[in-house]
Amino acid sequence: MANDANIYLHGAGSADYINPTYWDKQIEQAARNKSVMLQFGVMNDTLKNKDGKQINIAKNQVFAAAALTDGTSTPITTLAYDQVTVTVGEVGLAKQVSVLELDYAFESVTNDIMSNMGLAIGTKIDTDIITALVSGAGISYYASGNAHDSTTVVSTDVLLFTDILGVRRLMLEHNFEPKAIIVSPKTESEVRVLKDPGDHYIFSDASVYGSATLGSSAIGKILGMTIYVSNNLPTATENTTTPITVSKSLVLGERPFVFAWKRMPKVEMDRGLITDRSVTFQATATYGVSVLNTYSVAKITSY
């Protein structure tokens, strides 16, 4: 039969209620835009939309060549592998809105919910990555070069030019070139005014390079390393005698961590009981993160 005049079309105003794909794309984009850390890792899609909860990644150890003696067989050295394990888990949140409010402002309400849910998922991703990096860093460095540690750090242990050089040297000694520095807003103010022994400022603002070169979330460069700011870097109370609050910064080289998606950020809507006259929006994602190369990760502790 011919289509009736009352046919429900995709362009109907209420069609947004049954188009979760649009919302999924919106929340995925929002989550990516809010994440600073994802760009530094190796992405692994082995478990994406598949069965399983753990990935075991075999990693070969560094080979070394040696001088050979003419007439003597080439010596065979040991072949060995390391393994990195990534276990995925689910994160999420939910918000509820009355049907009446959706009637009044469906588009503005849903856009606001998607944006803020994307921010929450992106923040959780960054926090989980940073937690893994701080815990698994192969290099731990205390600022000001006073040979202090968590029991002896003091309030004068602020970040210095020599600290950046010291961490860079340690990473290069392990054959990893430092590429990026992630600092807290407090540490950013110190980084911007760092000077070398000749009393020259060593920070170059991002405006010198342009966002197309460094990326929109970068603030500048120092000693060839791009600097990023994150509110998700942890603080800690250290010094057993006179406790102080210290900040943690991260310096990252090549392939510092692996991030595995199982399920990309997804949003669903539940109408619930009709008599409740409410709609629940739920956003979830499933992923895992593990340090891939420990000496490609350095953490700096400073006051």
C-alpha atoms as a PDB file:
ATOM      1  CA  MET A   1       0.000   0.000   0.000  1.00  0.00           C
ATOM      2  CA  ALA A   2       1.068   3.625  -0.380  1.00  0.00           C
ATOM      3  CA  ASN A   3       2.685   5.414   2.526  1.00  0.00           C
ATOM      4  CA  ASP A   4       0.201   7.012   4.867  1.00  0.00           C
ATOM      5  CA  ALA A   5       0.426  10.694   5.805  1.00  0.00           C
ATOM      6  CA  ASN A   6       1.046   9.635   9.428  1.00  0.00           C
ATOM      7  CA  ILE A   7       4.210   7.647   8.667  1.00  0.00           C
ATOM      8  CA  TYR A   8       6.882   8.171  11.336  1.00  0.00           C
ATOM      9  CA  LEU A   9       9.921   9.600   9.573  1.00  0.00           C
ATOM     10  CA  HIS A  10      13.556   9.814  10.615  1.00  0.00           C
ATOM     11  CA  GLY A  11      13.309  13.595  10.561  1.00  0.00           C
ATOM     12  CA  ALA A  12      10.558  13.715  13.184  1.00  0.00           C
ATOM     13  CA  GLY A  13      11.409  15.896  16.176  1.00  0.00           C
ATOM     14  CA  SER A  14      11.131  13.025  18.676  1.00  0.00           C
ATOM     15  CA  ALA A  15      13.328  10.746  16.561  1.00  0.00           C
ATOM     16  CA  ASP A  16      16.328  11.805  18.657  1.00  0.00           C
ATOM     17  CA  TYR A  17      14.909   9.667  21.466  1.00  0.00           C
ATOM     18  CA  ILE A  18      15.641   6.521  19.468  1.00  0.00           C
ATOM     19  CA  ASN A  19      18.896   7.521  17.804  1.00  0.00           C
ATOM     20  CA  PRO A  20      21.561   6.544  20.382  1.00  0.00           C
ATOM     21  CA  THR A  21      24.193   6.253  17.636  1.00  0.00           C
ATOM     22  CA  TYR A  22      24.253  10.035  17.357  1.00  0.00           C
ATOM     23  CA  TRP A  23      24.799  10.307  21.082  1.00  0.00           C
ATOM     24  CA  ASP A  24      27.541   7.668  21.015  1.00  0.00           C
ATOM     25  CA  LYS A  25      29.492   9.604  18.413  1.00  0.00           C
ATOM     26  CA  GLN A  26      29.058  12.799  20.380  1.00  0.00           C
ATOM     27  CA  ILE A  27      30.274  11.328  23.654  1.00  0.00           C
ATOM     28  CA  GLU A  28      33.223   9.567  21.992  1.00  0.00           C
ATOM     29  CA  GLN A  29      34.331  12.879  20.508  1.00  0.00           C
ATOM     30  CA  ALA A  30      33.850  14.703  23.802  1.00  0.00           C
ATOM     31  CA  ALA A  31      35.847  12.072  25.696  1.00  0.00           C
ATOM     32  CA  ARG A  32      38.731  12.235  23.208  1.00  0.00           C
ATOM     33  CA  ASN A  33      38.787  16.034  23.273  1.00  0.00           C
ATOM     34  CA  LYS A  34      38.986  16.085  27.075  1.00  0.00           C
ATOM     35  CA  SER A  35      41.828  13.546  27.313  1.00  0.00           C
ATOM     36  CA  VAL A  36      45.421  14.804  27.344  1.00  0.00           C
ATOM     37  CA  MET A  37      47.132  11.459  27.899  1.00  0.00           C
ATOM     38  CA  LEU A  38      45.744   9.178  25.166  1.00  0.00           C
ATOM     39  CA  GLN A  39      47.968  10.745  22.487  1.00  0.00           C
ATOM     40  CA  PHE A  40      51.154   9.470  24.161  1.00  0.00           C
ATOM     41  CA  GLY A  41      50.265   5.777  24.299  1.00  0.00           C
ATOM     42  CA  VAL A  42      50.208   2.793  21.989  1.00  0.00           C
ATOM     43  CA  MET A  43      46.605   1.934  21.118  1.00  0.00           C
ATOM     44  CA  ASN A  44      45.650  -1.743  21.165  1.00  0.00           C
ATOM     45  CA  ASP A  45      42.330  -2.949  19.703  1.00  0.00           C
ATOM     46  CA  THR A  46      42.812  -6.683  20.321  1.00  0.00           C
ATOM     47  CA  LEU A  47      39.802  -6.870  22.656  1.00  0.00           C
ATOM     48  CA  LYS A  48      37.701  -4.172  21.023  1.00  0.00           C
ATOM     49  CA  ASN A  49      34.157  -5.524  20.701  1.00  0.00           C
ATOM     50  CA  LYS A  50      35.464  -9.058  21.270  1.00  0.00           C
ATOM     51  CA  ASP A  51      35.436 -11.636  24.058  1.00  0.00           C
ATOM     52  CA  GLY A  52      38.104 -11.534  26.760  1.00  0.00           C
ATOM     53  CA  LYS A  53      39.290  -9.264  29.544  1.00  0.00           C
ATOM     54  CA  GLN A  54      43.100  -9.481  29.418  1.00  0.00           C
ATOM     55  CA  ILE A  55      45.833  -8.975  26.829  1.00  0.00           C
ATOM     56  CA  ASN A  56      49.327 -10.434  27.224  1.00  0.00           C
ATOM     57  CA  ILE A  57      51.876  -8.550  25.127  1.00  0.00           C
ATOM     58  CA  ALA A  58      55.240 -10.223  24.573  1.00  0.00           C
ATOM     59  CA  LYS A  59      58.164  -7.788  24.450  1.00  0.00           C
ATOM     60  CA  ASN A  60      61.639  -8.775  23.301  1.00  0.00           C
ATOM     61  CA  GLN A  61      64.637  -7.646  25.315  1.00  0.00           C
ATOM     62  CA  VAL A  62      67.277  -5.361  23.818  1.00  0.00           C
ATOM     63  CA  PHE A  63      69.846  -7.107  21.613  1.00  0.00           C
ATOM     64  CA  ALA A  64      73.558  -6.298  21.732  1.00  0.00           C
ATOM     65  CA  ALA A  65      76.206  -6.937  19.096  1.00  0.00           C
ATOM     66  CA  ALA A  66      79.876  -7.707  19.846  1.00  0.00           C
ATOM     67  CA  ALA A  67      83.160  -7.945  17.975  1.00  0.00           C
ATOM     68  CA  LEU A  68      83.792 -11.240  16.190  1.00  0.00           C
ATOM     69  CA  THR A  69      87.006 -13.232  15.811  1.00  0.00           C
ATOM     70  CA  ASP A  70      87.929 -14.447  12.360  1.00  0.00           C
ATOM     71  CA  GLY A  71      87.778 -18.246  12.190  1.00  0.00           C
ATOM     72  CA  THR A  72      85.590 -18.491  15.303  1.00  0.00           C
ATOM     73  CA  SER A  73      81.860 -19.164  15.183  1.00  0.00           C
ATOM     74  CA  THR A  74      79.604 -16.276  16.049  1.00  0.00           C
ATOM     75  CA  PRO A  75      78.617 -16.734  19.714  1.00  0.00           C
ATOM     76  CA  ILE A  76      74.944 -17.326  20.398  1.00  0.00           C
ATOM     77  CA  THR A  77      73.541 -15.156  23.164  1.00  0.00           C
ATOM     78  CA  THR A  78      70.432 -15.679  25.245  1.00  0.00           C
ATOM     79  CA  LEU A  79      67.056 -14.897  23.743  1.00  0.00           C
ATOM     80  CA  ALA A  80      64.449 -13.807  26.291  1.00  0.00           C
ATOM     81  CA  TYR A  81      61.109 -12.020  26.364  1.00  0.00           C
ATOM     82  CA  ASP A  82      59.296  -9.795  28.825  1.00  0.00           C
ATOM     83  CA  GLN A  83      55.519  -9.628  29.081  1.00  0.00           C
ATOM     84  CA  VAL A  84      53.126  -6.747  29.632  1.00  0.00           C
ATOM     85  CA  THR A  85      49.609  -7.573  30.814  1.00  0.00           C
ATOM     86  CA  VAL A  86      46.622  -5.300  30.220  1.00  0.00           C
ATOM     87  CA  THR A  87      43.386  -6.031  32.094  1.00  0.00           C
ATOM     88  CA  VAL A  88      40.302  -4.101  31.033  1.00  0.00           C
ATOM     89  CA  GLY A  89      37.553  -2.790  33.300  1.00  0.00           C
ATOM     90  CA  GLU A  90      34.368  -0.777  32.989  1.00  0.00           C
ATOM     91  CA  VAL A  91      33.814   2.848  34.024  1.00  0.00           C
ATOM     92  CA  GLY A  92      30.694   4.968  33.768  1.00  0.00           C
ATOM     93  CA  LEU A  93      28.135   7.369  35.207  1.00  0.00           C
ATOM     94  CA  ALA A  94      24.406   8.091  34.966  1.00  0.00           C
ATOM     95  CA  LYS A  95      22.142  11.152  35.108  1.00  0.00           C
ATOM     96  CA  GLN A  96      18.373  11.411  35.288  1.00  0.00           C
ATOM     97  CA  VAL A  97      16.087  14.067  33.784  1.00  0.00           C
ATOM     98  CA  SER A  98      12.336  14.497  34.012  1.00  0.00           C
ATOM     99  CA  VAL A  99      10.293  13.961  30.868  1.00  0.00           C
ATOM    100  CA  LEU A 100       8.804  17.410  31.323  1.00  0.00           C
ATOM    101  CA  GLU A 101      12.256  19.027  31.209  1.00  0.00           C
ATOM    102  CA  LEU A 102      13.056  17.075  28.045  1.00  0.00           C
ATOM    103  CA  ASP A 103       9.805  18.359  26.575  1.00  0.00           C
ATOM    104  CA  TYR A 104      10.917  21.896  27.359  1.00  0.00           C
ATOM    105  CA  ALA A 105      14.558  21.712  26.220  1.00  0.00           C
ATOM    106  CA  PHE A 106      15.471  18.370  24.704  1.00  0.00           C
ATOM    107  CA  GLU A 107      18.334  19.535  22.516  1.00  0.00           C
ATOM    108  CA  SER A 108      20.052  21.799  25.053  1.00  0.00           C
ATOM    109  CA  VAL A 109      19.663  19.274  27.885  1.00  0.00           C
ATOM    110  CA  THR A 110      20.998  16.314  25.908  1.00  0.00           C
ATOM    111  CA  ASN A 111      23.905  18.313  24.475  1.00  0.00           C
ATOM    112  CA  ASP A 112      24.854  19.438  27.975  1.00  0.00           C
ATOM    113  CA  ILE A 113      24.623  15.886  29.328  1.00  0.00           C
ATOM    114  CA  MET A 114      26.724  14.491  26.461  1.00  0.00           C
ATOM    115  CA  SER A 115      29.391  17.156  26.872  1.00  0.00           C
ATOM    116  CA  ASN A 116      29.700  16.684  30.614  1.00  0.00           C
ATOM    117  CA  MET A 117      29.583  12.886  30.404  1.00  0.00           C
ATOM    118  CA  GLY A 118      32.337  13.063  27.791  1.00  0.00           C
ATOM    119  CA  LEU A 119      34.360  15.268  30.137  1.00  0.00           C
ATOM    120  CA  ALA A 120      33.845  12.775  32.972  1.00  0.00           C
ATOM    121  CA  ILE A 121      34.904   9.763  30.859  1.00  0.00           C
ATOM    122  CA  GLY A 122      37.903  11.656  29.426  1.00  0.00           C
ATOM    123  CA  THR A 123      38.979  12.725  32.913  1.00  0.00           C
ATOM    124  CA  LYS A 124      38.672   9.155  34.184  1.00  0.00           C
ATOM    125  CA  ILE A 125      40.782   7.885  31.272  1.00  0.00           C
ATOM    126  CA  ASP A 126      43.499  10.457  31.999  1.00  0.00           C
ATOM    127  CA  THR A 127      43.430   9.696  35.719  1.00  0.00           C
ATOM    128  CA  ASP A 128      43.787   5.951  35.113  1.00  0.00           C
ATOM    129  CA  ILE A 129      46.664   6.456  32.659  1.00  0.00           C
ATOM    130  CA  ILE A 130      48.467   8.845  35.005  1.00  0.00           C
ATOM    131  CA  THR A 131      47.993   6.493  37.978  1.00  0.00           C
ATOM    132  CA  ALA A 132      49.559   3.650  35.984  1.00  0.00           C
ATOM    133  CA  LEU A 133      52.482   5.837  34.870  1.00  0.00           C
ATOM    134  CA  VAL A 134      53.234   7.273  38.314  1.00  0.00           C
ATOM    135  CA  SER A 135      53.138   3.773  39.807  1.00  0.00           C
ATOM    136  CA  GLY A 136      55.154   2.098  37.042  1.00  0.00           C
ATOM    137  CA  ALA A 137      57.723   4.796  36.210  1.00  0.00           C
ATOM    138  CA  GLY A 138      61.202   3.364  35.744  1.00  0.00           C
ATOM    139  CA  ILE A 139      62.798   6.652  36.808  1.00  0.00           C
ATOM    140  CA  SER A 140      61.898   8.536  39.983  1.00  0.00           C
ATOM    141  CA  TYR A 141      63.583  11.915  40.441  1.00  0.00           C
ATOM    142  CA  TYR A 142      63.343  14.438  43.286  1.00  0.00           C
ATOM    143  CA  ALA A 143      63.778  18.084  42.326  1.00  0.00           C
ATOM    144  CA  SER A 144      66.629  20.457  43.233  1.00  0.00           C
ATOM    145  CA  GLY A 145      69.254  17.703  43.124  1.00  0.00           C
ATOM    146  CA  ASN A 146      69.460  17.304  46.909  1.00  0.00           C
ATOM    147  CA  ALA A 147      69.337  13.494  46.823  1.00  0.00           C
ATOM    148  CA  HIS A 148      66.088  13.640  48.769  1.00  0.00           C
ATOM    149  CA  ASP A 149      63.322  11.056  48.741  1.00  0.00           C
ATOM    150  CA  SER A 150      59.764  10.740  50.053  1.00  0.00           C
ATOM    151  CA  THR A 151      60.994  10.809  53.661  1.00  0.00           C
ATOM    152  CA  THR A 152      63.332  13.812  53.359  1.00  0.00           C
ATOM    153  CA  VAL A 153      61.874  16.093  50.643  1.00  0.00           C
ATOM    154  CA  VAL A 154      61.548  19.724  51.794  1.00  0.00           C
ATOM    155  CA  SER A 155      59.735  22.864  50.682  1.00  0.00           C
ATOM    156  CA  THR A 156      62.835  24.247  48.941  1.00  0.00           C
ATOM    157  CA  ASP A 157      62.916  21.297  46.529  1.00  0.00           C
ATOM    158  CA  VAL A 158      61.409  23.200  43.611  1.00  0.00           C
ATOM    159  CA  LEU A 159      61.814  22.321  39.945  1.00  0.00           C
ATOM    160  CA  LEU A 160      65.053  23.603  38.397  1.00  0.00           C
ATOM    161  CA  PHE A 161      66.658  23.627  34.961  1.00  0.00           C
ATOM    162  CA  THR A 162      69.165  21.027  36.160  1.00  0.00           C
ATOM    163  CA  ASP A 163      66.293  18.691  37.083  1.00  0.00           C
ATOM    164  CA  ILE A 164      64.983  18.659  33.506  1.00  0.00           C
ATOM    165  CA  LEU A 165      68.519  17.985  32.299  1.00  0.00           C
ATOM    166  CA  GLY A 166      68.994  15.246  34.901  1.00  0.00           C
ATOM    167  CA  VAL A 167      65.842  13.371  33.934  1.00  0.00           C
ATOM    168  CA  ARG A 168      66.654  13.762  30.246  1.00  0.00           C
ATOM    169  CA  ARG A 169      70.097  12.241  30.856  1.00  0.00           C
ATOM    170  CA  LEU A 170      68.669   9.278  32.782  1.00  0.00           C
ATOM    171  CA  MET A 171      66.165   8.481  30.036  1.00  0.00           C
ATOM    172  CA  LEU A 172      68.770   8.771  27.289  1.00  0.00           C
ATOM    173  CA  GLU A 173      71.058   6.428  29.233  1.00  0.00           C
ATOM    174  CA  HIS A 174      68.276   3.830  28.947  1.00  0.00           C
ATOM    175  CA  ASN A 175      67.943   4.527  25.193  1.00  0.00           C
ATOM    176  CA  PHE A 176      64.655   6.447  25.404  1.00  0.00           C
ATOM    177  CA  GLU A 177      64.425   9.980  24.086  1.00  0.00           C
ATOM    178  CA  PRO A 178      62.152  12.223  26.194  1.00  0.00           C
ATOM    179  CA  LYS A 179      59.363  13.659  24.073  1.00  0.00           C
ATOM    180  CA  ALA A 180      56.817  15.232  26.420  1.00  0.00           C
ATOM    181  CA  ILE A 181      56.470  16.693  29.896  1.00  0.00           C
ATOM    182  CA  ILE A 182      53.104  16.704  31.686  1.00  0.00           C
ATOM    183  CA  VAL A 183      52.894  19.108  34.616  1.00  0.00           C
ATOM    184  CA  SER A 184      50.259  20.367  37.030  1.00  0.00           C
ATOM    185  CA  PRO A 185      49.043  24.002  36.845  1.00  0.00           C
ATOM    186  CA  LYS A 186      51.237  24.813  39.872  1.00  0.00           C
ATOM    187  CA  THR A 187      54.352  23.383  38.247  1.00  0.00           C
ATOM    188  CA  GLU A 188      53.508  25.124  34.960  1.00  0.00           C
ATOM    189  CA  SER A 189      54.136  28.506  36.586  1.00  0.00           C
ATOM    190  CA  GLU A 190      57.619  27.305  37.572  1.00  0.00           C
ATOM    191  CA  VAL A 191      58.406  25.791  34.157  1.00  0.00           C
ATOM    192  CA  ARG A 192      57.600  29.031  32.342  1.00  0.00           C
ATOM    193  CA  VAL A 193      60.307  30.963  34.251  1.00  0.00           C
ATOM    194  CA  LEU A 194      63.088  28.340  34.284  1.00  0.00           C
ATOM    195  CA  LYS A 195      66.512  29.732  33.374  1.00  0.00           C
ATOM    196  CA  ASP A 196      69.759  28.099  32.325  1.00  0.00           C
ATOM    197  CA  PRO A 197      73.093  28.852  34.068  1.00  0.00           C
ATOM    198  CA  GLY A 198      73.546  31.791  31.695  1.00  0.00           C
ATOM    199  CA  ASP A 199      70.340  33.357  33.058  1.00  0.00           C
ATOM    200  CA  HIS A 200      68.419  32.745  29.826  1.00  0.00           C
ATOM    201  CA  TYR A 201      64.785  31.623  29.846  1.00  0.00           C
ATOM    202  CA  ILE A 202      64.514  28.148  28.317  1.00  0.00           C
ATOM    203  CA  PHE A 203      60.729  27.909  27.901  1.00  0.00           C
ATOM    204  CA  SER A 204      59.303  28.568  24.419  1.00  0.00           C
ATOM    205  CA  ASP A 205      55.589  29.391  24.330  1.00  0.00           C
ATOM    206  CA  ALA A 206      53.292  27.388  22.043  1.00  0.00           C
ATOM    207  CA  SER A 207      52.421  30.567  20.126  1.00  0.00           C
ATOM    208  CA  VAL A 208      55.921  30.469  18.646  1.00  0.00           C
ATOM    209  CA  TYR A 209      55.209  27.118  16.970  1.00  0.00           C
ATOM    210  CA  GLY A 210      51.457  27.251  16.333  1.00  0.00           C
ATOM    211  CA  SER A 211      48.815  24.760  17.438  1.00  0.00           C
ATOM    212  CA  ALA A 212      49.135  22.836  14.159  1.00  0.00           C
ATOM    213  CA  THR A 213      52.708  21.938  15.109  1.00  0.00           C
ATOM    214  CA  LEU A 214      52.407  21.135  18.818  1.00  0.00           C
ATOM    215  CA  GLY A 215      48.721  20.284  19.152  1.00  0.00           C
ATOM    216  CA  SER A 216      45.944  22.249  20.790  1.00  0.00           C
ATOM    217  CA  SER A 217      46.645  21.034  24.340  1.00  0.00           C
ATOM    218  CA  ALA A 218      50.360  21.906  24.387  1.00  0.00           C
ATOM    219  CA  ILE A 219      51.581  25.074  26.104  1.00  0.00           C
ATOM    220  CA  GLY A 220      55.140  25.169  24.746  1.00  0.00           C
ATOM    221  CA  LYS A 221      58.507  23.445  24.587  1.00  0.00           C
ATOM    222  CA  ILE A 222      61.572  23.134  26.768  1.00  0.00           C
ATOM    223  CA  LEU A 223      64.847  21.448  25.747  1.00  0.00           C
ATOM    224  CA  GLY A 224      63.072  19.922  22.753  1.00  0.00           C
ATOM    225  CA  MET A 225      60.265  18.423  24.854  1.00  0.00           C
ATOM    226  CA  THR A 226      56.652  19.491  24.412  1.00  0.00           C
ATOM    227  CA  ILE A 227      54.904  20.575  27.619  1.00  0.00           C
ATOM    228  CA  TYR A 228      51.300  19.763  28.528  1.00  0.00           C
ATOM    229  CA  VAL A 229      49.264  20.739  31.584  1.00  0.00           C
ATOM    230  CA  SER A 230      46.895  18.383  33.380  1.00  0.00           C
ATOM    231  CA  ASN A 231      44.745  18.865  36.474  1.00  0.00           C
ATOM    232  CA  ASN A 232      44.792  15.103  36.955  1.00  0.00           C
ATOM    233  CA  LEU A 233      48.411  14.789  38.082  1.00  0.00           C
ATOM    234  CA  PRO A 234      48.510  13.670  41.720  1.00  0.00           C
ATOM    235  CA  THR A 235      49.844  15.429  44.761  1.00  0.00           C
ATOM    236  CA  ALA A 236      51.171  13.641  47.850  1.00  0.00           C
ATOM    237  CA  THR A 237      52.033  14.359  51.456  1.00  0.00           C
ATOM    238  CA  GLU A 238      55.669  13.430  52.027  1.00  0.00           C
ATOM    239  CA  ASN A 239      58.517  13.937  54.575  1.00  0.00           C
ATOM    240  CA  THR A 240      58.140  11.930  57.764  1.00  0.00           C
ATOM    241  CA  THR A 241      59.405  14.744  60.034  1.00  0.00           C
ATOM    242  CA  THR A 242      57.789  17.854  58.560  1.00  0.00           C
ATOM    243  CA  PRO A 243      55.058  16.733  56.139  1.00  0.00           C
ATOM    244  CA  ILE A 244      54.647  18.841  52.995  1.00  0.00           C
ATOM    245  CA  THR A 245      52.489  18.588  49.894  1.00  0.00           C
ATOM    246  CA  VAL A 246      54.449  17.762  46.744  1.00  0.00           C
ATOM    247  CA  SER A 247      53.467  17.675  43.067  1.00  0.00           C
ATOM    248  CA  LYS A 248      54.201  14.924  40.569  1.00  0.00           C
ATOM    249  CA  SER A 249      55.212  15.626  36.968  1.00  0.00           C
ATOM    250  CA  LEU A 250      55.741  13.082  34.184  1.00  0.00           C
ATOM    251  CA  VAL A 251      58.336  12.944  31.409  1.00  0.00           C
ATOM    252  CA  LEU A 252      57.488  10.510  28.610  1.00  0.00           C
ATOM    253  CA  GLY A 253      59.535   9.024  25.790  1.00  0.00           C
ATOM    254  CA  GLU A 254      58.615   6.640  22.991  1.00  0.00           C
ATOM    255  CA  ARG A 255      55.871   4.047  23.580  1.00  0.00           C
ATOM    256  CA  PRO A 256      55.521   4.634  27.339  1.00  0.00           C
ATOM    257  CA  PHE A 257      52.224   2.790  27.825  1.00  0.00           C
ATOM    258  CA  VAL A 258      49.642   0.673  26.034  1.00  0.00           C
ATOM    259  CA  PHE A 259      45.951   1.566  26.115  1.00  0.00           C
ATOM    260  CA  ALA A 260      43.450  -1.117  25.148  1.00  0.00           C
ATOM    261  CA  TRP A 261      39.846  -0.412  24.228  1.00  0.00           C
ATOM    262  CA  LYS A 262      37.269  -3.134  24.732  1.00  0.00           C
ATOM    263  CA  ARG A 263      34.255  -0.892  24.320  1.00  0.00           C
ATOM    264  CA  MET A 264      34.399   2.737  23.262  1.00  0.00           C
ATOM    265  CA  PRO A 265      32.416   5.315  25.261  1.00  0.00           C
ATOM    266  CA  LYS A 266      28.728   4.616  24.791  1.00  0.00           C
ATOM    267  CA  VAL A 267      25.591   6.344  26.024  1.00  0.00           C
ATOM    268  CA  GLU A 268      22.225   4.674  26.538  1.00  0.00           C
ATOM    269  CA  MET A 269      18.802   5.995  27.514  1.00  0.00           C
ATOM    270  CA  ASP A 270      16.354   4.219  29.831  1.00  0.00           C
ATOM    271  CA  ARG A 271      12.734   5.404  29.965  1.00  0.00           C
ATOM    272  CA  GLY A 272      12.024   3.361  33.111  1.00  0.00           C
ATOM    273  CA  LEU A 273       8.539   3.227  34.576  1.00  0.00           C
ATOM    274  CA  ILE A 274       6.091   5.428  32.720  1.00  0.00           C
ATOM    275  CA  THR A 275       4.677   6.685  36.001  1.00  0.00           C
ATOM    276  CA  ASP A 276       8.109   7.945  37.074  1.00  0.00           C
ATOM    277  CA  ARG A 277       8.062  10.395  34.143  1.00  0.00           C
ATOM    278  CA  SER A 278      11.864  10.425  33.946  1.00  0.00           C
ATOM    279  CA  VAL A 279      14.626   9.437  31.556  1.00  0.00           C
ATOM    280  CA  THR A 280      18.005   8.069  32.696  1.00  0.00           C
ATOM    281  CA  PHE A 281      21.116   8.652  30.595  1.00  0.00           C
ATOM    282  CA  GLN A 282      24.021   6.264  31.205  1.00  0.00           C
ATOM    283  CA  ALA A 283      27.551   6.587  29.787  1.00  0.00           C
ATOM    284  CA  THR A 284      30.024   3.691  30.011  1.00  0.00           C
ATOM    285  CA  ALA A 285      33.359   2.623  28.553  1.00  0.00           C
ATOM    286  CA  THR A 286      35.584  -0.427  28.978  1.00  0.00           C
ATOM    287  CA  TYR A 287      39.379  -0.215  28.662  1.00  0.00           C
ATOM    288  CA  GLY A 288      42.705  -1.057  30.281  1.00  0.00           C
ATOM    289  CA  VAL A 289      46.133   0.573  30.545  1.00  0.00           C
ATOM    290  CA  SER A 290      49.611  -0.691  31.457  1.00  0.00           C
ATOM    291  CA  VAL A 291      53.136   0.719  31.305  1.00  0.00           C
ATOM    292  CA  LEU A 292      54.867  -0.662  28.226  1.00  0.00           C
ATOM    293  CA  ASN A 293      58.445   0.610  28.619  1.00  0.00           C
ATOM    294  CA  THR A 294      59.264   1.536  32.210  1.00  0.00           C
ATOM    295  CA  TYR A 295      62.330   3.634  31.385  1.00  0.00           C
ATOM    296  CA  SER A 296      60.294   5.632  28.899  1.00  0.00           C
ATOM    297  CA  VAL A 297      58.445   7.003  31.929  1.00  0.00           C
ATOM    298  CA  ALA A 298      60.025   9.327  34.511  1.00  0.00           C
ATOM    299  CA  LYS A 299      58.249  11.015  37.403  1.00  0.00           C
ATOM    300  CA  ILE A 300      59.572  14.169  39.022  1.00  0.00           C
ATOM    301  CA  THR A 301      58.583  15.103  42.553  1.00  0.00           C
ATOM    302  CA  SER A 302      58.798  18.782  43.456  1.00  0.00           C
ATOM    303  CA  TYR A 303      57.347  21.123  46.025  1.00  0.00           C
END
